[in-house]
Amino acid sequence: MLKFTYPKKEKLKSKKLIDQLFSEGQSVSAFPLRLVYLSTTFEDNVMAKTGVSVSKKHFKRAVDRNRIKRLLREAYRLNKAYYFNNLTTQHTFMILYIGKELPSFAQVESTMKRLFEKFSITVSHKI
């Protein structure tokens, strides 16, 4: 059972994994979010490693980018248990914010749910 936590070992930090994710991964979008994912394996026994990213082009101020990243991480933390309990393979995820306006937490959370539903549907069709 996944908990509502986002510990360090679940954070995507490996440059190699991130490069591999963007070169080989697939993506699903639910505007203003995009999820790039890749089925992979890690040494540690976590089901998913996740990173978040916000474009510097759309948000010049670091304050705004950091705020959006905090919202993304929080929405992920609260909703991952519902969607990833049935994952059988390990995945890496990168959640990208592709909108141009500062979102509210409610917007981010509802979009995150749509995004994970789309992801669940695409993954279940591939099996």
C-alpha atoms as a PDB file:
ATOM      1  CA  MET A   1       0.000   0.000   0.000  1.00  0.00           C
ATOM      2  CA  LEU A   2       1.463   3.327  -1.043  1.00  0.00           C
ATOM      3  CA  LYS A   3       1.395   6.068   1.537  1.00  0.00           C
ATOM      4  CA  PHE A   4       0.682   9.746   0.976  1.00  0.00           C
ATOM      5  CA  THR A   5       4.372  10.566   1.130  1.00  0.00           C
ATOM      6  CA  TYR A   6       7.006  11.673  -1.345  1.00  0.00           C
ATOM      7  CA  PRO A   7      10.292  10.481   0.176  1.00  0.00           C
ATOM      8  CA  LYS A   8      13.712  11.204  -1.258  1.00  0.00           C
ATOM      9  CA  LYS A   9      14.104   7.773  -2.831  1.00  0.00           C
ATOM     10  CA  GLU A  10      11.002   8.438  -4.974  1.00  0.00           C
ATOM     11  CA  LYS A  11      12.436  11.644  -6.410  1.00  0.00           C
ATOM     12  CA  LEU A  12      13.863  11.502  -9.909  1.00  0.00           C
ATOM     13  CA  LYS A  13      17.363  12.909  -9.653  1.00  0.00           C
ATOM     14  CA  SER A  14      19.542  10.766 -11.912  1.00  0.00           C
ATOM     15  CA  LYS A  15      20.684  12.717 -14.982  1.00  0.00           C
ATOM     16  CA  LYS A  16      21.057   9.448 -16.875  1.00  0.00           C
ATOM     17  CA  LEU A  17      17.474   8.375 -16.102  1.00  0.00           C
ATOM     18  CA  ILE A  18      16.112  11.813 -17.026  1.00  0.00           C
ATOM     19  CA  ASP A  19      17.932  11.781 -20.372  1.00  0.00           C
ATOM     20  CA  GLN A  20      16.660   8.264 -21.068  1.00  0.00           C
ATOM     21  CA  LEU A  21      13.136   9.316 -20.087  1.00  0.00           C
ATOM     22  CA  PHE A  22      13.063  12.165 -22.605  1.00  0.00           C
ATOM     23  CA  SER A  23      14.701  10.180 -25.401  1.00  0.00           C
ATOM     24  CA  GLU A  24      12.691   6.940 -25.056  1.00  0.00           C
ATOM     25  CA  GLY A  25       9.613   7.786 -22.980  1.00  0.00           C
ATOM     26  CA  GLN A  26       6.004   8.286 -24.051  1.00  0.00           C
ATOM     27  CA  SER A  27       3.776  11.064 -22.866  1.00  0.00           C
ATOM     28  CA  VAL A  28       0.163  11.823 -22.048  1.00  0.00           C
ATOM     29  CA  SER A  29      -1.207  15.331 -21.688  1.00  0.00           C
ATOM     30  CA  ALA A  30      -4.038  16.947 -19.813  1.00  0.00           C
ATOM     31  CA  PHE A  31      -3.568  20.660 -20.307  1.00  0.00           C
ATOM     32  CA  PRO A  32      -1.755  22.393 -18.582  1.00  0.00           C
ATOM     33  CA  LEU A  33       0.147  19.262 -17.497  1.00  0.00           C
ATOM     34  CA  ARG A  34       2.137  16.734 -19.454  1.00  0.00           C
ATOM     35  CA  LEU A  35       3.384  13.433 -18.067  1.00  0.00           C
ATOM     36  CA  VAL A  36       6.414  11.832 -19.679  1.00  0.00           C
ATOM     37  CA  TYR A  37       6.798   8.242 -18.525  1.00  0.00           C
ATOM     38  CA  LEU A  38       9.059   5.284 -19.114  1.00  0.00           C
ATOM     39  CA  SER A  39       8.856   1.741 -17.833  1.00  0.00           C
ATOM     40  CA  THR A  40      12.213   0.956 -16.267  1.00  0.00           C
ATOM     41  CA  THR A  41      13.982  -0.728 -13.350  1.00  0.00           C
ATOM     42  CA  PHE A  42      15.874   0.718 -10.386  1.00  0.00           C
ATOM     43  CA  GLU A  43      17.930  -0.866  -7.653  1.00  0.00           C
ATOM     44  CA  ASP A  44      15.818   0.495  -4.792  1.00  0.00           C
ATOM     45  CA  ASN A  45      12.391  -1.064  -4.335  1.00  0.00           C
ATOM     46  CA  VAL A  46      10.205   1.924  -5.234  1.00  0.00           C
ATOM     47  CA  MET A  47       7.506   1.643  -7.891  1.00  0.00           C
ATOM     48  CA  ALA A  48       7.919   5.129  -9.307  1.00  0.00           C
ATOM     49  CA  LYS A  49      10.489   7.897  -9.373  1.00  0.00           C
ATOM     50  CA  THR A  50       9.003  11.255 -10.217  1.00  0.00           C
ATOM     51  CA  GLY A  51      10.304  14.696 -11.059  1.00  0.00           C
ATOM     52  CA  VAL A  52       8.501  17.951 -11.748  1.00  0.00           C
ATOM     53  CA  SER A  53       9.487  20.721 -14.111  1.00  0.00           C
ATOM     54  CA  VAL A  54       8.258  24.188 -15.042  1.00  0.00           C
ATOM     55  CA  SER A  55       9.371  26.135 -18.100  1.00  0.00           C
ATOM     56  CA  LYS A  56      11.628  29.108 -17.506  1.00  0.00           C
ATOM     57  CA  LYS A  57      10.373  30.528 -20.801  1.00  0.00           C
ATOM     58  CA  HIS A  58       6.831  30.990 -19.448  1.00  0.00           C
ATOM     59  CA  PHE A  59       7.740  31.800 -15.845  1.00  0.00           C
ATOM     60  CA  LYS A  60      10.724  34.106 -15.630  1.00  0.00           C
ATOM     61  CA  ARG A  61      10.613  34.474 -11.854  1.00  0.00           C
ATOM     62  CA  ALA A  62      12.014  31.590  -9.823  1.00  0.00           C
ATOM     63  CA  VAL A  63       9.409  32.322  -7.149  1.00  0.00           C
ATOM     64  CA  ASP A  64       6.615  31.449  -9.575  1.00  0.00           C
ATOM     65  CA  ARG A  65       8.370  28.338 -10.893  1.00  0.00           C
ATOM     66  CA  ASN A  66       9.038  27.086  -7.368  1.00  0.00           C
ATOM     67  CA  ARG A  67       5.438  27.694  -6.346  1.00  0.00           C
ATOM     68  CA  ILE A  68       4.113  25.695  -9.291  1.00  0.00           C
ATOM     69  CA  LYS A  69       6.597  22.898  -8.571  1.00  0.00           C
ATOM     70  CA  ARG A  70       5.432  22.769  -4.956  1.00  0.00           C
ATOM     71  CA  LEU A  71       1.804  22.528  -6.130  1.00  0.00           C
ATOM     72  CA  LEU A  72       2.705  19.758  -8.587  1.00  0.00           C
ATOM     73  CA  ARG A  73       4.577  17.742  -5.954  1.00  0.00           C
ATOM     74  CA  GLU A  74       1.734  18.124  -3.465  1.00  0.00           C
ATOM     75  CA  ALA A  75      -0.949  17.082  -5.979  1.00  0.00           C
ATOM     76  CA  TYR A  76       1.221  14.105  -6.963  1.00  0.00           C
ATOM     77  CA  ARG A  77       1.789  13.115  -3.345  1.00  0.00           C
ATOM     78  CA  LEU A  78      -1.929  13.165  -2.540  1.00  0.00           C
ATOM     79  CA  ASN A  79      -3.070  11.277  -5.632  1.00  0.00           C
ATOM     80  CA  LYS A  80      -0.340   8.766  -6.399  1.00  0.00           C
ATOM     81  CA  ALA A  81      -1.735   6.126  -4.035  1.00  0.00           C
ATOM     82  CA  TYR A  82      -4.992   5.914  -6.019  1.00  0.00           C
ATOM     83  CA  TYR A  83      -3.342   5.429  -9.378  1.00  0.00           C
ATOM     84  CA  PHE A  84      -0.099   3.596  -8.735  1.00  0.00           C
ATOM     85  CA  ASN A  85      -1.207   0.849  -6.358  1.00  0.00           C
ATOM     86  CA  ASN A  86      -1.859  -1.399  -9.337  1.00  0.00           C
ATOM     87  CA  LEU A  87       1.478  -0.706 -11.063  1.00  0.00           C
ATOM     88  CA  THR A  88       3.373  -3.930 -11.573  1.00  0.00           C
ATOM     89  CA  THR A  89       6.466  -2.491 -13.249  1.00  0.00           C
ATOM     90  CA  GLN A  90       8.703   0.321 -12.111  1.00  0.00           C
ATOM     91  CA  HIS A  91       8.301   3.646 -13.895  1.00  0.00           C
ATOM     92  CA  THR A  92      10.008   7.000 -14.099  1.00  0.00           C
ATOM     93  CA  PHE A  93       7.790  10.040 -14.470  1.00  0.00           C
ATOM     94  CA  MET A  94       8.385  13.673 -15.259  1.00  0.00           C
ATOM     95  CA  ILE A  95       5.456  15.989 -14.739  1.00  0.00           C
ATOM     96  CA  LEU A  96       5.792  19.112 -16.857  1.00  0.00           C
ATOM     97  CA  TYR A  97       3.734  22.247 -16.404  1.00  0.00           C
ATOM     98  CA  ILE A  98       3.087  23.576 -19.908  1.00  0.00           C
ATOM     99  CA  GLY A  99       0.559  26.318 -19.144  1.00  0.00           C
ATOM    100  CA  LYS A 100       1.258  30.034 -19.167  1.00  0.00           C
ATOM    101  CA  GLU A 101      -0.782  31.187 -16.137  1.00  0.00           C
ATOM    102  CA  LEU A 102      -0.115  30.654 -12.448  1.00  0.00           C
ATOM    103  CA  PRO A 103      -2.500  27.855 -11.401  1.00  0.00           C
ATOM    104  CA  SER A 104      -4.375  27.359  -8.140  1.00  0.00           C
ATOM    105  CA  PHE A 105      -3.919  24.136  -6.182  1.00  0.00           C
ATOM    106  CA  ALA A 106      -7.467  23.016  -7.070  1.00  0.00           C
ATOM    107  CA  GLN A 107      -6.714  23.371 -10.789  1.00  0.00           C
ATOM    108  CA  VAL A 108      -3.439  21.483 -10.478  1.00  0.00           C
ATOM    109  CA  GLU A 109      -5.029  18.694  -8.459  1.00  0.00           C
ATOM    110  CA  SER A 110      -7.989  18.137 -10.790  1.00  0.00           C
ATOM    111  CA  THR A 111      -5.708  18.168 -13.830  1.00  0.00           C
ATOM    112  CA  MET A 112      -3.305  15.775 -12.102  1.00  0.00           C
ATOM    113  CA  LYS A 113      -6.201  13.326 -11.574  1.00  0.00           C
ATOM    114  CA  ARG A 114      -7.167  13.554 -15.266  1.00  0.00           C
ATOM    115  CA  LEU A 115      -3.535  13.067 -16.240  1.00  0.00           C
ATOM    116  CA  PHE A 116      -3.114   9.943 -14.107  1.00  0.00           C
ATOM    117  CA  GLU A 117      -6.403   8.529 -15.409  1.00  0.00           C
ATOM    118  CA  LYS A 118      -5.152   8.981 -18.969  1.00  0.00           C
ATOM    119  CA  PHE A 119      -1.860   7.364 -17.992  1.00  0.00           C
ATOM    120  CA  SER A 120      -3.655   4.397 -16.361  1.00  0.00           C
ATOM    121  CA  ILE A 121      -5.778   3.921 -19.477  1.00  0.00           C
ATOM    122  CA  THR A 122      -2.813   4.038 -21.886  1.00  0.00           C
ATOM    123  CA  VAL A 123      -0.726   1.691 -19.745  1.00  0.00           C
ATOM    124  CA  SER A 124      -3.548  -0.829 -19.292  1.00  0.00           C
ATOM    125  CA  HIS A 125      -4.127  -0.930 -23.084  1.00  0.00           C
ATOM    126  CA  LYS A 126      -0.477  -1.751 -23.757  1.00  0.00           C
ATOM    127  CA  ILE A 127      -0.491  -4.839 -21.559  1.00  0.00           C
END
